[in-house]
Structure formats: C-alpha cells, structure tokens
Amino acid sequence: MGSRDGAEVMGSGCHEAKCSEATVEIKIKTLDSQTYTLQVDKCVPVPTLKEQIAIMTGVEKEQQRLICLWKSFEG
C-alpha cells in the first residue's frame, strides 16, 4: 500500500469501562476514504492501537488522529 496523509479512527462503545478480556470492533477510515476493520482488546493503550493501525494501513503513528464519539485521543 502507498503512503497516506493520515487516518482517523471512529468507533462506537468507546467509553471508559472496567478492563475485561472482551474485544471491540473499530472502524478505521483513512483520509483517502479507505475503510478498515480491526478487533482490539477493550483496554488496549493508545500507542499500541496506533502501532496496530500503522501495520494495517501503512499510516505512520505520528500521522494518525484517533477520534471516538468526537473526542480526540493522544498517544
């Protein structure tokens, strides 16, 4: 895959909750309108999530902006 300008992650169910072994499905939409689906642990740290997204999309961690319920996450 070629390089992208960036990626945004939008998900539902992104509220603070007790960590459990459950996973959630998140949708990743890149700025060039490609969409990816990723299954992650509910309590995955943001830097780890960004690494997984980088592997899947080819968008470097530094270029990613994660958004959930219109709240931006740093990491």
PDB file of N, CA and C in Angstrom:
ATOM      1  N   MET A   1       0.822  -1.176   0.000  1.00  0.00           N
ATOM      2  CA  MET A   1       0.000   0.000   0.000  1.00  0.00           C
ATOM      3  C   MET A   1       0.868   1.241   0.000  1.00  0.00           C
ATOM      4  N   GLY A   2       0.424   2.286  -0.669  1.00  0.00           N
ATOM      5  CA  GLY A   2       1.176   3.520  -0.701  1.00  0.00           C
ATOM      6  C   GLY A   2       0.995   4.298   0.573  1.00  0.00           C
ATOM      7  N   SER A   3       1.757   5.373   0.719  1.00  0.00           N
ATOM      8  CA  SER A   3       1.633   6.173   1.931  1.00  0.00           C
ATOM      9  C   SER A   3       0.355   6.998   1.879  1.00  0.00           C
ATOM     10  N   ARG A   4      -0.142   7.340   3.041  1.00  0.00           N
ATOM     11  CA  ARG A   4      -1.380   8.090   3.150  1.00  0.00           C
ATOM     12  C   ARG A   4      -1.107   9.370   3.921  1.00  0.00           C
ATOM     13  N   ASP A   5      -1.996  10.340   3.779  1.00  0.00           N
ATOM     14  CA  ASP A   5      -1.845  11.595   4.507  1.00  0.00           C
ATOM     15  C   ASP A   5      -2.165  11.436   5.983  1.00  0.00           C
ATOM     16  N   GLY A   6      -2.974  10.467   6.348  1.00  0.00           N
ATOM     17  CA  GLY A   6      -3.322  10.270   7.746  1.00  0.00           C
ATOM     18  C   GLY A   6      -4.498   9.339   7.859  1.00  0.00           C
ATOM     19  N   ALA A   7      -4.867   9.033   9.089  1.00  0.00           N
ATOM     20  CA  ALA A   7      -6.001   8.137   9.323  1.00  0.00           C
ATOM     21  C   ALA A   7      -6.792   8.637  10.505  1.00  0.00           C
ATOM     22  N   GLU A   8      -8.080   8.413  10.466  1.00  0.00           N
ATOM     23  CA  GLU A   8      -8.940   8.715  11.587  1.00  0.00           C
ATOM     24  C   GLU A   8      -9.618   7.425  11.999  1.00  0.00           C
ATOM     25  N   VAL A   9      -9.796   7.247  13.290  1.00  0.00           N
ATOM     26  CA  VAL A   9     -10.478   6.076  13.801  1.00  0.00           C
ATOM     27  C   VAL A   9     -11.746   6.541  14.480  1.00  0.00           C
ATOM     28  N   MET A  10     -12.850   5.953  14.081  1.00  0.00           N
ATOM     29  CA  MET A  10     -14.114   6.289  14.706  1.00  0.00           C
ATOM     30  C   MET A  10     -14.710   4.992  15.214  1.00  0.00           C
ATOM     31  N   GLY A  11     -15.205   4.994  16.417  1.00  0.00           N
ATOM     32  CA  GLY A  11     -15.781   3.774  16.951  1.00  0.00           C
ATOM     33  C   GLY A  11     -16.963   4.066  17.834  1.00  0.00           C
ATOM     34  N   SER A  12     -17.729   3.045  18.059  1.00  0.00           N
ATOM     35  CA  SER A  12     -18.817   3.176  18.998  1.00  0.00           C
ATOM     36  C   SER A  12     -18.451   2.364  20.221  1.00  0.00           C
ATOM     37  N   GLY A  13     -19.001   2.723  21.334  1.00  0.00           N
ATOM     38  CA  GLY A  13     -18.705   1.995  22.555  1.00  0.00           C
ATOM     39  C   GLY A  13     -17.358   2.364  23.130  1.00  0.00           C
ATOM     40  N   CYS A  14     -16.842   3.542  22.823  1.00  0.00           N
ATOM     41  CA  CYS A  14     -15.545   3.972  23.341  1.00  0.00           C
ATOM     42  C   CYS A  14     -15.744   4.776  24.617  1.00  0.00           C
ATOM     43  N   HIS A  15     -16.207   4.143  25.625  1.00  0.00           N
ATOM     44  CA  HIS A  15     -16.381   4.808  26.893  1.00  0.00           C
ATOM     45  C   HIS A  15     -15.470   4.146  27.893  1.00  0.00           C
ATOM     46  N   GLU A  16     -15.139   4.862  28.955  1.00  0.00           N
ATOM     47  CA  GLU A  16     -14.275   4.278  29.953  1.00  0.00           C
ATOM     48  C   GLU A  16     -15.049   3.204  30.699  1.00  0.00           C
ATOM     49  N   ALA A  17     -14.499   2.036  30.765  1.00  0.00           N
ATOM     50  CA  ALA A  17     -15.147   0.926  31.444  1.00  0.00           C
ATOM     51  C   ALA A  17     -14.069   0.065  32.070  1.00  0.00           C
ATOM     52  N   LYS A  18     -14.488  -0.822  32.944  1.00  0.00           N
ATOM     53  CA  LYS A  18     -13.547  -1.764  33.526  1.00  0.00           C
ATOM     54  C   LYS A  18     -12.937  -2.613  32.438  1.00  0.00           C
ATOM     55  N   CYS A  19     -11.637  -2.875  32.571  1.00  0.00           N
ATOM     56  CA  CYS A  19     -10.968  -3.726  31.591  1.00  0.00           C
ATOM     57  C   CYS A  19     -11.466  -5.149  31.741  1.00  0.00           C
ATOM     58  N   SER A  20     -11.704  -5.765  30.644  1.00  0.00           N
ATOM     59  CA  SER A  20     -12.075  -7.170  30.638  1.00  0.00           C
ATOM     60  C   SER A  20     -11.375  -7.811  29.452  1.00  0.00           C
ATOM     61  N   GLU A  21     -11.602  -9.068  29.286  1.00  0.00           N
ATOM     62  CA  GLU A  21     -10.959  -9.762  28.183  1.00  0.00           C
ATOM     63  C   GLU A  21     -11.739  -9.605  26.887  1.00  0.00           C
ATOM     64  N   ALA A  22     -12.807  -8.840  26.923  1.00  0.00           N
ATOM     65  CA  ALA A  22     -13.630  -8.653  25.731  1.00  0.00           C
ATOM     66  C   ALA A  22     -12.907  -7.778  24.709  1.00  0.00           C
ATOM     67  N   THR A  23     -13.242  -7.991  23.459  1.00  0.00           N
ATOM     68  CA  THR A  23     -12.684  -7.169  22.400  1.00  0.00           C
ATOM     69  C   THR A  23     -13.795  -6.321  21.792  1.00  0.00           C
ATOM     70  N   VAL A  24     -13.393  -5.283  21.115  1.00  0.00           N
ATOM     71  CA  VAL A  24     -14.330  -4.418  20.411  1.00  0.00           C
ATOM     72  C   VAL A  24     -13.874  -4.312  18.962  1.00  0.00           C
ATOM     73  N   GLU A  25     -14.816  -4.045  18.096  1.00  0.00           N
ATOM     74  CA  GLU A  25     -14.518  -3.854  16.686  1.00  0.00           C
ATOM     75  C   GLU A  25     -14.506  -2.358  16.413  1.00  0.00           C
ATOM     76  N   ILE A  26     -13.431  -1.890  15.819  1.00  0.00           N
ATOM     77  CA  ILE A  26     -13.365  -0.474  15.459  1.00  0.00           C
ATOM     78  C   ILE A  26     -13.231  -0.342  13.950  1.00  0.00           C
ATOM     79  N   LYS A  27     -13.751   0.743  13.450  1.00  0.00           N
ATOM     80  CA  LYS A  27     -13.664   1.054  12.026  1.00  0.00           C
ATOM     81  C   LYS A  27     -12.606   2.136  11.861  1.00  0.00           C
ATOM     82  N   ILE A  28     -11.748   1.951  10.901  1.00  0.00           N
ATOM     83  CA  ILE A  28     -10.679   2.901  10.618  1.00  0.00           C
ATOM     84  C   ILE A  28     -10.947   3.464   9.240  1.00  0.00           C
ATOM     85  N   LYS A  29     -11.009   4.786   9.154  1.00  0.00           N
ATOM     86  CA  LYS A  29     -11.216   5.428   7.863  1.00  0.00           C
ATOM     87  C   LYS A  29     -10.037   6.355   7.600  1.00  0.00           C
ATOM     88  N   THR A  30      -9.353   6.117   6.488  1.00  0.00           N
ATOM     89  CA  THR A  30      -8.215   6.949   6.134  1.00  0.00           C
ATOM     90  C   THR A  30      -8.699   8.190   5.393  1.00  0.00           C
ATOM     91  N   LEU A  31      -7.831   9.168   5.281  1.00  0.00           N
ATOM     92  CA  LEU A  31      -8.203  10.408   4.610  1.00  0.00           C
ATOM     93  C   LEU A  31      -8.479  10.207   3.130  1.00  0.00           C
ATOM     94  N   ASP A  32      -7.992   9.104   2.572  1.00  0.00           N
ATOM     95  CA  ASP A  32      -8.320   8.806   1.173  1.00  0.00           C
ATOM     96  C   ASP A  32      -9.541   7.892   1.076  1.00  0.00           C
ATOM     97  N   SER A  33     -10.345   7.871   2.140  1.00  0.00           N
ATOM     98  CA  SER A  33     -11.646   7.192   2.225  1.00  0.00           C
ATOM     99  C   SER A  33     -11.597   5.670   2.189  1.00  0.00           C
ATOM    100  N   GLN A  34     -10.459   5.069   2.461  1.00  0.00           N
ATOM    101  CA  GLN A  34     -10.418   3.617   2.610  1.00  0.00           C
ATOM    102  C   GLN A  34     -10.857   3.274   4.029  1.00  0.00           C
ATOM    103  N   THR A  35     -11.583   2.176   4.180  1.00  0.00           N
ATOM    104  CA  THR A  35     -12.091   1.767   5.485  1.00  0.00           C
ATOM    105  C   THR A  35     -11.527   0.400   5.849  1.00  0.00           C
ATOM    106  N   TYR A  36     -11.087   0.264   7.097  1.00  0.00           N
ATOM    107  CA  TYR A  36     -10.549  -0.985   7.626  1.00  0.00           C
ATOM    108  C   TYR A  36     -11.321  -1.320   8.900  1.00  0.00           C
ATOM    109  N   THR A  37     -11.350  -2.600   9.255  1.00  0.00           N
ATOM    110  CA  THR A  37     -11.976  -3.052  10.494  1.00  0.00           C
ATOM    111  C   THR A  37     -10.909  -3.759  11.317  1.00  0.00           C
ATOM    112  N   LEU A  38     -10.871  -3.450  12.606  1.00  0.00           N
ATOM    113  CA  LEU A  38      -9.858  -4.010  13.488  1.00  0.00           C
ATOM    114  C   LEU A  38     -10.520  -4.473  14.777  1.00  0.00           C
ATOM    115  N   GLN A  39     -10.203  -5.674  15.229  1.00  0.00           N
ATOM    116  CA  GLN A  39     -10.659  -6.190  16.515  1.00  0.00           C
ATOM    117  C   GLN A  39      -9.545  -5.940  17.524  1.00  0.00           C
ATOM    118  N   VAL A  40      -9.857  -5.238  18.614  1.00  0.00           N
ATOM    119  CA  VAL A  40      -8.850  -4.942  19.630  1.00  0.00           C
ATOM    120  C   VAL A  40      -9.415  -5.192  21.011  1.00  0.00           C
ATOM    121  N   ASP A  41      -8.528  -5.405  21.962  1.00  0.00           N
ATOM    122  CA  ASP A  41      -8.912  -5.532  23.353  1.00  0.00           C
ATOM    123  C   ASP A  41      -9.497  -4.200  23.823  1.00  0.00           C
ATOM    124  N   LYS A  42     -10.491  -4.253  24.687  1.00  0.00           N
ATOM    125  CA  LYS A  42     -11.137  -3.028  25.178  1.00  0.00           C
ATOM    126  C   LYS A  42     -10.149  -2.064  25.816  1.00  0.00           C
ATOM    127  N   CYS A  43      -9.120  -2.579  26.432  1.00  0.00           N
ATOM    128  CA  CYS A  43      -8.208  -1.738  27.209  1.00  0.00           C
ATOM    129  C   CYS A  43      -6.840  -1.567  26.556  1.00  0.00           C
ATOM    130  N   VAL A  44      -6.787  -1.672  25.248  1.00  0.00           N
ATOM    131  CA  VAL A  44      -5.515  -1.506  24.557  1.00  0.00           C
ATOM    132  C   VAL A  44      -5.050  -0.049  24.709  1.00  0.00           C
ATOM    133  N   PRO A  45      -3.784   0.173  25.076  1.00  0.00           N
ATOM    134  CA  PRO A  45      -3.270   1.544  25.184  1.00  0.00           C
ATOM    135  C   PRO A  45      -3.232   2.210  23.801  1.00  0.00           C
ATOM    136  N   VAL A  46      -3.401   3.515  23.780  1.00  0.00           N
ATOM    137  CA  VAL A  46      -3.434   4.258  22.519  1.00  0.00           C
ATOM    138  C   VAL A  46      -2.169   4.033  21.686  1.00  0.00           C
ATOM    139  N   PRO A  47      -0.962   4.089  22.269  1.00  0.00           N
ATOM    140  CA  PRO A  47       0.231   3.851  21.435  1.00  0.00           C
ATOM    141  C   PRO A  47       0.234   2.471  20.772  1.00  0.00           C
ATOM    142  N   THR A  48      -0.243   1.462  21.483  1.00  0.00           N
ATOM    143  CA  THR A  48      -0.325   0.112  20.916  1.00  0.00           C
ATOM    144  C   THR A  48      -1.353   0.057  19.803  1.00  0.00           C
ATOM    145  N   LEU A  49      -2.486   0.706  20.000  1.00  0.00           N
ATOM    146  CA  LEU A  49      -3.518   0.764  18.972  1.00  0.00           C
ATOM    147  C   LEU A  49      -2.975   1.439  17.714  1.00  0.00           C
ATOM    148  N   LYS A  50      -2.249   2.528  17.902  1.00  0.00           N
ATOM    149  CA  LYS A  50      -1.675   3.230  16.750  1.00  0.00           C
ATOM    150  C   LYS A  50      -0.677   2.354  15.995  1.00  0.00           C
ATOM    151  N   GLU A  51       0.084   1.528  16.720  1.00  0.00           N
ATOM    152  CA  GLU A  51       1.016   0.604  16.063  1.00  0.00           C
ATOM    153  C   GLU A  51       0.246  -0.394  15.210  1.00  0.00           C
ATOM    154  N   GLN A  52      -0.851  -0.931  15.755  1.00  0.00           N
ATOM    155  CA  GLN A  52      -1.660  -1.891  15.005  1.00  0.00           C
ATOM    156  C   GLN A  52      -2.250  -1.243  13.754  1.00  0.00           C
ATOM    157  N   ILE A  53      -2.696  -0.009  13.891  1.00  0.00           N
ATOM    158  CA  ILE A  53      -3.264   0.717  12.756  1.00  0.00           C
ATOM    159  C   ILE A  53      -2.192   0.966  11.699  1.00  0.00           C
ATOM    160  N   ALA A  54      -0.977   1.321  12.140  1.00  0.00           N
ATOM    161  CA  ALA A  54       0.115   1.565  11.201  1.00  0.00           C
ATOM    162  C   ALA A  54       0.434   0.312  10.388  1.00  0.00           C
ATOM    163  N   ILE A  55       0.431  -0.839  11.037  1.00  0.00           N
ATOM    164  CA  ILE A  55       0.706  -2.092  10.341  1.00  0.00           C
ATOM    165  C   ILE A  55      -0.385  -2.371   9.314  1.00  0.00           C
ATOM    166  N   MET A  56      -1.632  -2.127   9.699  1.00  0.00           N
ATOM    167  CA  MET A  56      -2.757  -2.437   8.824  1.00  0.00           C
ATOM    168  C   MET A  56      -2.878  -1.463   7.651  1.00  0.00           C
ATOM    169  N   THR A  57      -2.674  -0.171   7.900  1.00  0.00           N
ATOM    170  CA  THR A  57      -2.970   0.843   6.887  1.00  0.00           C
ATOM    171  C   THR A  57      -1.736   1.418   6.199  1.00  0.00           C
ATOM    172  N   GLY A  58      -0.583   1.314   6.826  1.00  0.00           N
ATOM    173  CA  GLY A  58       0.613   1.942   6.280  1.00  0.00           C
ATOM    174  C   GLY A  58       0.743   3.411   6.686  1.00  0.00           C
ATOM    175  N   VAL A  59      -0.168   3.896   7.542  1.00  0.00           N
ATOM    176  CA  VAL A  59      -0.118   5.280   8.022  1.00  0.00           C
ATOM    177  C   VAL A  59       0.728   5.310   9.294  1.00  0.00           C
ATOM    178  N   GLU A  60       1.790   6.105   9.282  1.00  0.00           N
ATOM    179  CA  GLU A  60       2.677   6.181  10.434  1.00  0.00           C
ATOM    180  C   GLU A  60       1.940   6.678  11.673  1.00  0.00           C
ATOM    181  N   LYS A  61       2.401   6.205  12.848  1.00  0.00           N
ATOM    182  CA  LYS A  61       1.749   6.577  14.112  1.00  0.00           C
ATOM    183  C   LYS A  61       1.657   8.087  14.288  1.00  0.00           C
ATOM    184  N   GLU A  62       2.684   8.793  13.896  1.00  0.00           N
ATOM    185  CA  GLU A  62       2.730  10.245  14.079  1.00  0.00           C
ATOM    186  C   GLU A  62       1.703  10.974  13.217  1.00  0.00           C
ATOM    187  N   GLN A  63       1.216  10.326  12.168  1.00  0.00           N
ATOM    188  CA  GLN A  63       0.256  10.948  11.260  1.00  0.00           C
ATOM    189  C   GLN A  63      -1.188  10.590  11.598  1.00  0.00           C
ATOM    190  N   GLN A  64      -1.383   9.762  12.611  1.00  0.00           N
ATOM    191  CA  GLN A  64      -2.730   9.306  12.948  1.00  0.00           C
ATOM    192  C   GLN A  64      -3.405  10.250  13.938  1.00  0.00           C
ATOM    193  N   ARG A  65      -4.697  10.355  13.782  1.00  0.00           N
ATOM    194  CA  ARG A  65      -5.539  11.102  14.715  1.00  0.00           C
ATOM    195  C   ARG A  65      -6.709  10.194  15.067  1.00  0.00           C
ATOM    196  N   LEU A  66      -6.791   9.794  16.323  1.00  0.00           N
ATOM    197  CA  LEU A  66      -7.835   8.870  16.755  1.00  0.00           C
ATOM    198  C   LEU A  66      -9.004   9.652  17.333  1.00  0.00           C
ATOM    199  N   ILE A  67     -10.192   9.367  16.844  1.00  0.00           N
ATOM    200  CA  ILE A  67     -11.392  10.066  17.297  1.00  0.00           C
ATOM    201  C   ILE A  67     -12.452   9.032  17.640  1.00  0.00           C
ATOM    202  N   CYS A  68     -13.056   9.189  18.795  1.00  0.00           N
ATOM    203  CA  CYS A  68     -14.130   8.309  19.221  1.00  0.00           C
ATOM    204  C   CYS A  68     -15.219   9.166  19.846  1.00  0.00           C
ATOM    205  N   LEU A  69     -16.408   9.089  19.283  1.00  0.00           N
ATOM    206  CA  LEU A  69     -17.519   9.920  19.762  1.00  0.00           C
ATOM    207  C   LEU A  69     -17.091  11.389  19.811  1.00  0.00           C
ATOM    208  N   TRP A  70     -16.346  11.778  18.780  1.00  0.00           N
ATOM    209  CA  TRP A  70     -15.872  13.143  18.564  1.00  0.00           C
ATOM    210  C   TRP A  70     -14.911  13.627  19.628  1.00  0.00           C
ATOM    211  N   LYS A  71     -14.304  12.703  20.370  1.00  0.00           N
ATOM    212  CA  LYS A  71     -13.269  13.041  21.331  1.00  0.00           C
ATOM    213  C   LYS A  71     -11.940  12.559  20.754  1.00  0.00           C
ATOM    214  N   SER A  72     -10.941  13.431  20.743  1.00  0.00           N
ATOM    215  CA  SER A  72      -9.631  13.090  20.197  1.00  0.00           C
ATOM    216  C   SER A  72      -8.776  12.445  21.284  1.00  0.00           C
ATOM    217  N   PHE A  73      -8.037  11.378  20.922  1.00  0.00           N
ATOM    218  CA  PHE A  73      -7.183  10.672  21.855  1.00  0.00           C
ATOM    219  C   PHE A  73      -5.728  10.922  21.504  1.00  0.00           C
ATOM    220  N   GLU A  74      -4.918  11.216  22.504  1.00  0.00           N
ATOM    221  CA  GLU A  74      -3.486  11.444  22.308  1.00  0.00           C
ATOM    222  C   GLU A  74      -2.746  10.178  22.698  1.00  0.00           C
ATOM    223  N   GLY A  75      -1.585  10.019  22.102  1.00  0.00           N
ATOM    224  CA  GLY A  75      -0.786   8.864  22.486  1.00  0.00           C
ATOM    225  C   GLY A  75       0.235   8.503  21.479  1.00  0.00           C
TER     226      GLY A  75
END
